[in-house]
C-alpha atoms as a PDB file:
ATOM      1  CA  MET A   1      72.252  45.459  98.204  1.00  0.00           C
ATOM      2  CA  LEU A   2      72.395  48.296 100.866  1.00  0.00           C
ATOM      3  CA  ILE A   3      75.585  47.803 102.010  1.00  0.00           C
ATOM      4  CA  HIS A   4      77.672  47.884  98.727  1.00  0.00           C
ATOM      5  CA  VAL A   5      75.725  51.465  98.006  1.00  0.00           C
ATOM      6  CA  ILE A   6      76.438  52.395 101.620  1.00  0.00           C
ATOM      7  CA  MET A   7      80.389  50.988 100.593  1.00  0.00           C
ATOM      8  CA  MET A   8      80.153  52.745  97.385  1.00  0.00           C
ATOM      9  CA  ILE A   9      79.527  56.564  99.516  1.00  0.00           C
ATOM     10  CA  VAL A  10      81.692  55.818 102.042  1.00  0.00           C
ATOM     11  CA  TYR A  11      84.456  55.306  98.962  1.00  0.00           C
ATOM     12  CA  VAL A  12      83.684  57.993  96.634  1.00  0.00           C
ATOM     13  CA  CYS A  13      83.721  60.369  99.831  1.00  0.00           C
ATOM     14  CA  PHE A  14      87.065  58.776 101.314  1.00  0.00           C
ATOM     15  CA  ARG A  15      88.490  59.556  97.850  1.00  0.00           C
ATOM     16  CA  GLY A  16      87.335  62.798  97.424  1.00  0.00           C
ATOM     17  CA  LYS A  17      88.657  63.310 100.521  1.00  0.00           C
ATOM     18  CA  ILE A  18      92.125  62.526  99.397  1.00  0.00           C
ATOM     19  CA  ASP A  19      91.715  64.234  96.100  1.00  0.00           C
ATOM     20  CA  LYS A  20      91.178  67.703  98.777  1.00  0.00           C
ATOM     21  CA  MET A  21      94.205  66.756 100.977  1.00  0.00           C
ATOM     22  CA  SER A  22      96.104  66.686  97.552  1.00  0.00           C
ATOM     23  CA  LEU A  23      94.952  69.547  96.113  1.00  0.00           C
ATOM     24  CA  THR A  24      95.365  71.368  98.981  1.00  0.00           C
ATOM     25  CA  SER A  25      99.029  69.812  99.253  1.00  0.00           C
ATOM     26  CA  LYS A  26      99.805  71.509  95.460  1.00  0.00           C
ATOM     27  CA  GLN A  27      98.046  74.809  96.490  1.00  0.00           C
ATOM     28  CA  ARG A  28     100.927  75.218  99.163  1.00  0.00           C
ATOM     29  CA  CYS A  29     103.873  74.281  96.657  1.00  0.00           C
ATOM     30  CA  ASP A  30     102.515  76.890  93.493  1.00  0.00           C
ATOM     31  CA  GLN A  31     102.244  79.599  96.709  1.00  0.00           C
ATOM     32  CA  ILE A  32     105.816  78.727  97.997  1.00  0.00           C
ATOM     33  CA  LEU A  33     107.588  78.689  94.524  1.00  0.00           C
ATOM     34  CA  SER A  34     105.679  81.827  93.606  1.00  0.00           C
ATOM     35  CA  LEU A  35     107.001  83.100  97.348  1.00  0.00           C
ATOM     36  CA  LEU A  36     110.536  82.054  96.289  1.00  0.00           C
ATOM     37  CA  VAL A  37     110.346  83.702  92.791  1.00  0.00           C
ATOM     38  CA  GLU A  38     109.162  87.356  94.442  1.00  0.00           C
ATOM     39  CA  GLN A  39     111.580  86.935  97.266  1.00  0.00           C
ATOM     40  CA  GLY A  40     114.064  84.679  96.599  1.00  0.00           C
ATOM     41  CA  HIS A  41     114.038  82.801  99.884  1.00  0.00           C
ATOM     42  CA  VAL A  42     111.217  81.312 102.469  1.00  0.00           C
ATOM     43  CA  GLU A  43     111.180  80.870 106.283  1.00  0.00           C
ATOM     44  CA  VAL A  44     109.699  77.514 107.989  1.00  0.00           C
ATOM     45  CA  LYS A  45     107.954  79.506 110.427  1.00  0.00           C
ATOM     46  CA  THR A  46     106.426  82.144 108.036  1.00  0.00           C
ATOM     47  CA  LEU A  47     105.156  79.810 105.942  1.00  0.00           C
ATOM     48  CA  ALA A  48     103.538  77.457 108.819  1.00  0.00           C
ATOM     49  CA  LYS A  49     101.558  80.548 109.877  1.00  0.00           C
ATOM     50  CA  GLY A  50     100.169  82.446 106.709  1.00  0.00           C
ATOM     51  CA  MET A  51      98.940  78.769 105.480  1.00  0.00           C
ATOM     52  CA  ALA A  52      97.270  78.204 108.703  1.00  0.00           C
ATOM     53  CA  VAL A  53      99.475  74.717 108.673  1.00  0.00           C
ATOM     54  CA  SER A  54     101.795  73.298 111.160  1.00  0.00           C
ATOM     55  CA  GLU A  55     105.548  73.761 110.693  1.00  0.00           C
ATOM     56  CA  ALA A  56     106.005  69.712 110.342  1.00  0.00           C
ATOM     57  CA  THR A  57     103.813  69.986 107.066  1.00  0.00           C
ATOM     58  CA  ILE A  58     105.388  73.066 105.300  1.00  0.00           C
ATOM     59  CA  ARG A  59     109.178  71.017 106.035  1.00  0.00           C
ATOM     60  CA  ARG A  60     107.147  68.069 104.272  1.00  0.00           C
ATOM     61  CA  ASP A  61     106.154  70.535 101.559  1.00  0.00           C
ATOM     62  CA  LEU A  62     109.483  71.742 101.279  1.00  0.00           C
ATOM     63  CA  ARG A  63     111.415  68.578 101.113  1.00  0.00           C
ATOM     64  CA  ALA A  64     109.342  67.219  98.113  1.00  0.00           C
ATOM     65  CA  LEU A  65     109.852  70.359  96.500  1.00  0.00           C
ATOM     66  CA  ALA A  66     113.529  69.591  97.108  1.00  0.00           C
ATOM     67  CA  ASP A  67     113.370  65.881  95.904  1.00  0.00           C
ATOM     68  CA  SER A  68     111.968  67.847  92.630  1.00  0.00           C
ATOM     69  CA  ARG A  69     115.059  69.969  92.507  1.00  0.00           C
ATOM     70  CA  GLN A  70     112.527  73.092  92.167  1.00  0.00           C
ATOM     71  CA  VAL A  71     113.996  74.468  95.446  1.00  0.00           C
ATOM     72  CA  GLU A  72     117.412  74.386  97.672  1.00  0.00           C
ATOM     73  CA  LEU A  73     116.566  73.972 101.671  1.00  0.00           C
ATOM     74  CA  VAL A  74     118.738  76.165 103.962  1.00  0.00           C
ATOM     75  CA  TYR A  75     118.929  76.445 107.396  1.00  0.00           C
ATOM     76  CA  GLY A  76     114.966  77.524 108.361  1.00  0.00           C
ATOM     77  CA  GLY A  77     113.557  77.333 105.048  1.00  0.00           C
ATOM     78  CA  ALA A  78     114.302  76.888 100.911  1.00  0.00           C
ATOM     79  CA  THR A  79     116.120  79.200  98.975  1.00  0.00           C
ATOM     80  CA  VAL A  80     116.274  79.471  94.984  1.00  0.00           C
ATOM     81  CA  PRO A  81     118.007  76.662  93.668  1.00  0.00           C
ATOM     82  CA  ARG A  82     121.864  78.407  92.993  1.00  0.00           C
ATOM     83  CA  ALA A  83     124.752  76.909  91.120  1.00  0.00           C
ATOM     84  CA  SER A  84     126.213  74.279  92.655  1.00  0.00           C
ATOM     85  CA  ASP A  85     129.767  75.834  91.358  1.00  0.00           C
ATOM     86  CA  PHE A  86     131.768  78.134  93.415  1.00  0.00           C
ATOM     87  CA  SER A  87     134.987  78.345  92.078  1.00  0.00           C
ATOM     88  CA  PHE A  88     136.465  82.101  91.610  1.00  0.00           C
ATOM     89  CA  ARG A  89     135.684  82.329  87.479  1.00  0.00           C
ATOM     90  CA  SER A  90     131.998  80.731  88.213  1.00  0.00           C
ATOM     91  CA  LYS A  91     131.318  83.711  91.422  1.00  0.00           C
ATOM     92  CA  ALA A  92     133.203  86.337  89.654  1.00  0.00           C
ATOM     93  CA  SER A  93     130.383  85.989  87.029  1.00  0.00           C
ATOM     94  CA  ARG A  94     127.501  86.745  89.408  1.00  0.00           C
ATOM     95  CA  ASN A  95     126.540  90.372  90.579  1.00  0.00           C
ATOM     96  CA  VAL A  96     129.209  91.846  89.024  1.00  0.00           C
ATOM     97  CA  GLU A  97     128.038  95.081  88.710  1.00  0.00           C
ATOM     98  CA  ALA A  98     126.893  94.746  92.704  1.00  0.00           C
ATOM     99  CA  LYS A  99     130.251  93.581  93.692  1.00  0.00           C
ATOM    100  CA  ARG A 100     132.081  96.394  92.415  1.00  0.00           C
ATOM    101  CA  ILE A 101     130.018  98.907  93.964  1.00  0.00           C
ATOM    102  CA  ILE A 102     130.746  97.466  96.934  1.00  0.00           C
ATOM    103  CA  GLY A 103     134.795  97.044  96.330  1.00  0.00           C
ATOM    104  CA  ARG A 104     134.560 100.603  95.395  1.00  0.00           C
ATOM    105  CA  LEU A 105     132.569 101.817  98.998  1.00  0.00           C
ATOM    106  CA  ALA A 106     134.615  99.135 100.843  1.00  0.00           C
ATOM    107  CA  ALA A 107     138.262 100.656  99.928  1.00  0.00           C
ATOM    108  CA  THR A 108     137.155 104.158 100.757  1.00  0.00           C
ATOM    109  CA  LEU A 109     137.089 102.489 104.001  1.00  0.00           C
ATOM    110  CA  VAL A 110     140.626 102.206 104.381  1.00  0.00           C
ATOM    111  CA  MET A 111     143.567 104.332 105.393  1.00  0.00           C
ATOM    112  CA  GLU A 112     146.921 104.245 103.953  1.00  0.00           C
ATOM    113  CA  ASP A 113     149.549 103.045 106.574  1.00  0.00           C
ATOM    114  CA  GLU A 114     146.413 100.333 107.393  1.00  0.00           C
ATOM    115  CA  GLN A 115     147.144  96.693 107.663  1.00  0.00           C
ATOM    116  CA  ILE A 116     143.848  94.269 106.703  1.00  0.00           C
ATOM    117  CA  PHE A 117     143.226  90.750 105.981  1.00  0.00           C
ATOM    118  CA  MET A 118     140.822  90.156 102.006  1.00  0.00           C
ATOM    119  CA  ASP A 119     139.172  87.199 102.465  1.00  0.00           C
ATOM    120  CA  SER A 120     139.319  85.225  98.805  1.00  0.00           C
ATOM    121  CA  GLY A 121     136.481  85.904  97.626  1.00  0.00           C
ATOM    122  CA  THR A 122     135.239  87.965  94.081  1.00  0.00           C
ATOM    123  CA  THR A 123     133.609  90.989  96.292  1.00  0.00           C
ATOM    124  CA  CYS A 124     136.769  91.755  98.251  1.00  0.00           C
ATOM    125  CA  PHE A 125     139.276  91.467  94.848  1.00  0.00           C
ATOM    126  CA  GLU A 126     136.936  94.218  93.212  1.00  0.00           C
ATOM    127  CA  MET A 127     138.379  96.319  95.854  1.00  0.00           C
ATOM    128  CA  CYS A 128     142.100  95.814  94.177  1.00  0.00           C
ATOM    129  CA  GLN A 129     141.512  98.396  91.895  1.00  0.00           C
ATOM    130  CA  PHE A 130     140.964 101.024  93.982  1.00  0.00           C
ATOM    131  CA  LEU A 131     143.573 100.252  96.678  1.00  0.00           C
ATOM    132  CA  ARG A 132     146.561 100.528  94.015  1.00  0.00           C
ATOM    133  CA  ARG A 133     147.085 103.699  95.222  1.00  0.00           C
ATOM    134  CA  ARG A 134     147.274 103.134  98.980  1.00  0.00           C
ATOM    135  CA  ARG A 135     150.921 104.544  99.937  1.00  0.00           C
ATOM    136  CA  GLY A 136     152.055 101.741 103.030  1.00  0.00           C
ATOM    137  CA  LEU A 137     148.971  98.715 102.704  1.00  0.00           C
ATOM    138  CA  HIS A 138     150.056  95.874 104.638  1.00  0.00           C
ATOM    139  CA  VAL A 139     147.453  92.909 103.173  1.00  0.00           C
ATOM    140  CA  ILE A 140     147.145  89.486 104.661  1.00  0.00           C
ATOM    141  CA  VAL A 141     145.410  87.509 101.807  1.00  0.00           C
ATOM    142  CA  ASN A 142     144.775  83.558 101.613  1.00  0.00           C
ATOM    143  CA  SER A 143     143.865  83.902  98.291  1.00  0.00           C
ATOM    144  CA  THR A 144     146.451  83.602  95.272  1.00  0.00           C
ATOM    145  CA  ARG A 145     144.513  85.706  92.784  1.00  0.00           C
ATOM    146  CA  LEU A 146     145.227  88.896  94.809  1.00  0.00           C
ATOM    147  CA  ALA A 147     148.526  88.347  96.062  1.00  0.00           C
ATOM    148  CA  VAL A 148     149.277  89.212  92.389  1.00  0.00           C
ATOM    149  CA  GLU A 149     146.823  91.600  91.591  1.00  0.00           C
ATOM    150  CA  LEU A 150     148.027  93.510  95.017  1.00  0.00           C
ATOM    151  CA  GLY A 151     151.523  92.684  94.738  1.00  0.00           C
ATOM    152  CA  SER A 152     151.963  93.305  91.172  1.00  0.00           C
ATOM    153  CA  ALA A 153     150.420  97.256  91.875  1.00  0.00           C
ATOM    154  CA  GLY A 154     154.423  97.751  93.710  1.00  0.00           C
ATOM    155  CA  GLU A 155     152.570  99.708  96.902  1.00  0.00           C
ATOM    156  CA  ALA A 156     151.148  96.744  98.941  1.00  0.00           C
ATOM    157  CA  SER A 157     153.103  94.439 101.491  1.00  0.00           C
ATOM    158  CA  VAL A 158     151.333  90.869 100.651  1.00  0.00           C
ATOM    159  CA  ILE A 159     151.586  88.644 102.923  1.00  0.00           C
ATOM    160  CA  LEU A 160     150.039  85.475 101.634  1.00  0.00           C
ATOM    161  CA  ILE A 161     149.112  82.608 103.918  1.00  0.00           C
ATOM    162  CA  GLY A 162     149.520  78.990 103.428  1.00  0.00           C
ATOM    163  CA  GLY A 163     147.863  76.227 104.013  1.00  0.00           C
ATOM    164  CA  HIS A 164     145.848  73.329 101.499  1.00  0.00           C
ATOM    165  CA  TYR A 165     145.265  75.180  97.816  1.00  0.00           C
ATOM    166  CA  ARG A 166     142.421  74.832  96.573  1.00  0.00           C
ATOM    167  CA  PRO A 167     142.496  75.488  92.477  1.00  0.00           C
ATOM    168  CA  GLU A 168     139.033  75.928  91.457  1.00  0.00           C
ATOM    169  CA  ARG A 169     138.426  78.441  93.906  1.00  0.00           C
ATOM    170  CA  MET A 170     142.331  80.345  93.478  1.00  0.00           C
ATOM    171  CA  ASP A 171     142.885  79.984  97.813  1.00  0.00           C
ATOM    172  CA  SER A 172     144.452  78.397 100.856  1.00  0.00           C
ATOM    173  CA  VAL A 173     142.177  76.871 103.766  1.00  0.00           C
ATOM    174  CA  GLY A 174     142.970  74.145 106.422  1.00  0.00           C
ATOM    175  CA  PRO A 175     144.572  73.738 109.087  1.00  0.00           C
ATOM    176  CA  LEU A 176     148.394  75.369 108.233  1.00  0.00           C
ATOM    177  CA  ALA A 177     145.868  78.616 107.179  1.00  0.00           C
ATOM    178  CA  THR A 178     144.185  78.598 110.393  1.00  0.00           C
ATOM    179  CA  ALA A 179     147.554  78.369 112.049  1.00  0.00           C
ATOM    180  CA  THR A 180     149.112  80.948 110.900  1.00  0.00           C
ATOM    181  CA  MET A 181     145.910  83.251 111.201  1.00  0.00           C
ATOM    182  CA  GLU A 182     146.317  82.755 114.968  1.00  0.00           C
ATOM    183  CA  GLN A 183     150.102  84.376 115.287  1.00  0.00           C
ATOM    184  CA  LEU A 184     148.456  88.118 113.864  1.00  0.00           C
ATOM    185  CA  ARG A 185     146.923  90.360 115.047  1.00  0.00           C
ATOM    186  CA  GLY A 186     145.470  93.734 115.089  1.00  0.00           C
ATOM    187  CA  TYR A 187     144.566  94.216 111.895  1.00  0.00           C
ATOM    188  CA  LEU A 188     141.147  95.429 109.641  1.00  0.00           C
ATOM    189  CA  ALA A 189     139.044  92.218 108.524  1.00  0.00           C
ATOM    190  CA  LEU A 190     137.200  92.640 104.910  1.00  0.00           C
ATOM    191  CA  ILE A 191     135.133  89.391 105.201  1.00  0.00           C
ATOM    192  CA  GLY A 192     132.062  88.274 102.426  1.00  0.00           C
ATOM    193  CA  ALA A 193     129.647  85.529 102.942  1.00  0.00           C
ATOM    194  CA  ASP A 194     127.715  83.727 100.954  1.00  0.00           C
ATOM    195  CA  GLY A 195     124.197  84.303 102.899  1.00  0.00           C
ATOM    196  CA  LEU A 196     122.689  85.517 105.978  1.00  0.00           C
ATOM    197  CA  SER A 197     120.367  85.192 108.516  1.00  0.00           C
ATOM    198  CA  MET A 198     118.984  86.914 111.528  1.00  0.00           C
ATOM    199  CA  ASP A 199     118.854  83.747 113.728  1.00  0.00           C
ATOM    200  CA  PHE A 200     122.177  81.939 111.945  1.00  0.00           C
ATOM    201  CA  GLY A 201     124.561  84.375 111.493  1.00  0.00           C
ATOM    202  CA  VAL A 202     126.744  85.121 108.908  1.00  0.00           C
ATOM    203  CA  THR A 203     127.338  82.030 106.869  1.00  0.00           C
ATOM    204  CA  ALA A 204     129.815  80.214 104.072  1.00  0.00           C
ATOM    205  CA  SER A 205     129.509  77.672 101.024  1.00  0.00           C
ATOM    206  CA  ASP A 206     131.583  75.709 102.927  1.00  0.00           C
ATOM    207  CA  ILE A 207     133.284  74.430 105.995  1.00  0.00           C
ATOM    208  CA  ASP A 208     137.156  75.178 105.210  1.00  0.00           C
ATOM    209  CA  SER A 209     136.129  78.610 104.318  1.00  0.00           C
ATOM    210  CA  ALA A 210     133.848  79.213 107.213  1.00  0.00           C
ATOM    211  CA  HIS A 211     136.214  77.799 109.887  1.00  0.00           C
ATOM    212  CA  LEU A 212     139.217  80.131 108.668  1.00  0.00           C
ATOM    213  CA  TYR A 213     137.276  83.375 108.613  1.00  0.00           C
ATOM    214  CA  ARG A 214     135.875  82.494 111.904  1.00  0.00           C
ATOM    215  CA  GLN A 215     139.448  82.723 113.106  1.00  0.00           C
ATOM    216  CA  VAL A 216     140.097  85.609 110.720  1.00  0.00           C
ATOM    217  CA  ILE A 217     137.347  87.383 112.336  1.00  0.00           C
ATOM    218  CA  ARG A 218     138.227  86.442 116.364  1.00  0.00           C
ATOM    219  CA  ASN A 219     141.853  88.019 116.238  1.00  0.00           C
ATOM    220  CA  ALA A 220     140.849  91.471 114.033  1.00  0.00           C
ATOM    221  CA  ARG A 221     140.460  94.519 115.649  1.00  0.00           C
ATOM    222  CA  GLU A 222     137.811  95.406 113.392  1.00  0.00           C
ATOM    223  CA  THR A 223     135.359  93.281 110.833  1.00  0.00           C
ATOM    224  CA  ILE A 224     133.645  94.610 108.023  1.00  0.00           C
ATOM    225  CA  LEU A 225     131.327  92.354 105.937  1.00  0.00           C
ATOM    226  CA  LEU A 226     131.130  93.065 102.030  1.00  0.00           C
ATOM    227  CA  VAL A 227     127.675  91.247 100.934  1.00  0.00           C
ATOM    228  CA  ASP A 228     124.653  92.422  97.924  1.00  0.00           C
ATOM    229  CA  HIS A 229     121.675  92.281  98.036  1.00  0.00           C
ATOM    230  CA  SER A 230     121.768  88.860  97.168  1.00  0.00           C
ATOM    231  CA  LYS A 231     123.042  87.381 100.675  1.00  0.00           C
ATOM    232  CA  PHE A 232     120.244  88.746 102.274  1.00  0.00           C
ATOM    233  CA  LEU A 233     118.139  86.359 100.749  1.00  0.00           C
ATOM    234  CA  SER A 234     119.252  83.326 102.175  1.00  0.00           C
ATOM    235  CA  PRO A 235     121.726  82.085 104.580  1.00  0.00           C
ATOM    236  CA  SER A 236     124.103  78.825 103.705  1.00  0.00           C
ATOM    237  CA  LEU A 237     125.267  75.964 105.465  1.00  0.00           C
ATOM    238  CA  PHE A 238     127.868  77.176 107.630  1.00  0.00           C
ATOM    239  CA  LYS A 239     127.865  79.657 110.085  1.00  0.00           C
ATOM    240  CA  ILE A 240     131.045  81.720 110.346  1.00  0.00           C
ATOM    241  CA  CYS A 241     130.292  84.298 113.289  1.00  0.00           C
ATOM    242  CA  GLU A 242     127.645  86.059 115.189  1.00  0.00           C
ATOM    243  CA  PHE A 243     126.157  89.389 113.626  1.00  0.00           C
ATOM    244  CA  ASP A 244     127.518  90.746 116.858  1.00  0.00           C
ATOM    245  CA  GLU A 245     131.357  90.449 115.785  1.00  0.00           C
ATOM    246  CA  ILE A 246     130.794  92.360 112.623  1.00  0.00           C
ATOM    247  CA  SER A 247     131.147  96.622 113.741  1.00  0.00           C
ATOM    248  CA  ARG A 248     129.661  97.300 109.337  1.00  0.00           C
ATOM    249  CA  ILE A 249     128.570  95.743 106.308  1.00  0.00           C
ATOM    250  CA  ILE A 250     128.531  97.223 103.117  1.00  0.00           C
ATOM    251  CA  THR A 251     126.179  96.232 100.074  1.00  0.00           C
ATOM    252  CA  ASP A 252     125.226  96.818  96.917  1.00  0.00           C
ATOM    253  CA  GLN A 253     121.089  98.013  97.830  1.00  0.00           C
ATOM    254  CA  ARG A 254     119.403  99.455 100.893  1.00  0.00           C
ATOM    255  CA  PRO A 255     117.885  96.124 102.578  1.00  0.00           C
ATOM    256  CA  ARG A 256     114.446  95.697 103.183  1.00  0.00           C
ATOM    257  CA  THR A 257     112.624  97.124 106.515  1.00  0.00           C
ATOM    258  CA  GLU A 258     112.783  94.129 108.860  1.00  0.00           C
ATOM    259  CA  TRP A 259     117.075  93.941 108.026  1.00  0.00           C
ATOM    260  CA  LEU A 260     116.861  97.460 108.732  1.00  0.00           C
ATOM    261  CA  ASP A 261     115.889  96.992 111.982  1.00  0.00           C
ATOM    262  CA  PHE A 262     117.579  94.178 113.035  1.00  0.00           C
ATOM    263  CA  LEU A 263     121.350  95.355 111.735  1.00  0.00           C
ATOM    264  CA  ASN A 264     119.846  98.576 113.886  1.00  0.00           C
ATOM    265  CA  ALA A 265     119.258  96.817 117.233  1.00  0.00           C
ATOM    266  CA  GLN A 266     122.809  95.269 116.672  1.00  0.00           C
ATOM    267  CA  GLY A 267     124.535  98.286 116.313  1.00  0.00           C
ATOM    268  CA  ILE A 268     125.735  97.349 112.967  1.00  0.00           C
ATOM    269  CA  GLU A 269     126.576 100.499 110.659  1.00  0.00           C
ATOM    270  CA  LEU A 270     125.183 100.173 107.458  1.00  0.00           C
ATOM    271  CA  PHE A 271     126.658 101.036 103.709  1.00  0.00           C
ATOM    272  CA  TYR A 272     125.482 101.200 100.536  1.00  0.00           C
ATOM    273  CA  PRO A 273     124.733 103.378  97.377  1.00  0.00           C
ATOM    274  CA  ASP A 274     122.270 106.567  97.590  1.00  0.00           C
ATOM    275  CA  ARG A 275     120.532 106.024  94.016  1.00  0.00           C
ATOM    276  CA  ALA A 276     120.949 104.187  91.001  1.00  0.00           C
ATOM    277  CA  ALA A 277     122.441 107.289  89.046  1.00  0.00           C
ATOM    278  CA  GLN A 278     125.368 108.365  91.566  1.00  0.00           C
ATOM    279  CA  GLU A 279     126.025 104.092  91.662  1.00  0.00           C
ATOM    280  CA  ALA A 280     127.058 104.677  87.941  1.00  0.00           C
ATOM    281  CA  ASN A 281     128.292 108.522  88.490  1.00  0.00           C
ATOM    282  CA  ALA A 282     130.286 107.019  91.209  1.00  0.00           C
ATOM    283  CA  ILE A 283     131.955 104.443  89.721  1.00  0.00           C
ATOM    284  CA  SER A 284     133.259 105.998  86.321  1.00  0.00           C
ATOM    285  CA  SER A 285     134.236 109.079  88.501  1.00  0.00           C
ATOM    286  CA  GLY A 286     136.067 107.371  91.818  1.00  0.00           C
ATOM    287  CA  SER A 287     133.574 109.534  94.078  1.00  0.00           C
ATOM    288  CA  ALA A 288     131.760 107.837  96.820  1.00  0.00           C
ATOM    289  CA  ASP A 289     127.814 108.837  96.962  1.00  0.00           C
ATOM    290  CA  VAL A 290     127.030 106.596  99.814  1.00  0.00           C
ATOM    291  CA  SER A 291     123.793 106.270 102.474  1.00  0.00           C
ATOM    292  CA  HIS A 292     125.095 105.432 105.540  1.00  0.00           C
ATOM    293  CA  GLU A 293     122.647 104.714 108.308  1.00  0.00           C
ATOM    294  CA  THR A 294     123.956 104.338 111.726  1.00  0.00           C
ATOM    295  CA  PRO A 295     122.237 102.571 114.721  1.00  0.00           C
END
């Protein structure tokens, strides 16, 4: 009888310990989800330190959340699940106003008689309306949409590189596209990205784009990165380049302090609108009210 009582006490204590562990795991996951709502991105190292647990424990929590499709795993952490449709039309519908702001600011850095490469992303596409009157412009593109938009203006000379055509993105990638870019030098590269990481660099959502734009950057005389504020929240899977290959970044909002410090340490110039009111006025009037942060 005494043995039975002891066994019952041990069972209750052990069961209580299990329930406590389960509750602790749930609390961590709830906290992770709350942080994701606020920040859009969480990092394993930061979570482990803040919750006083091991990084392995946090990774298990993130995997569990990813299995239930509540988060999307990325390099070094997790982000809010993003749409899996990366077609041109789908991407064009996201952060539309931010892309217009960036397109206008980027266009102010392109002079007449300039030689530039513009990637096939929707942010670069927003530059077209501001480049129509540039004289002597020579533009290299891998996007049929950009080629038609710029070519119809009559002022720009357009080089459309060939390769494997992706109809959903309206662009060309692959070995033929890369081989073409190997023959070109001395242009100003205007590149977008699907995500940024201080540790991992500038990233893309697919390996073909990452490989092509890596070659573009390698042969450019200068590279300007065009990214809206959401790209500072999380990296994508495939690296395009390191930050030391970027000279300037144009975005639609002032990044967080840690990003400002990081970019300053990298020697990267940062351009973004000064105020929301100025953004609206600048878009309607064509003027450029810009905050410019230099290293």
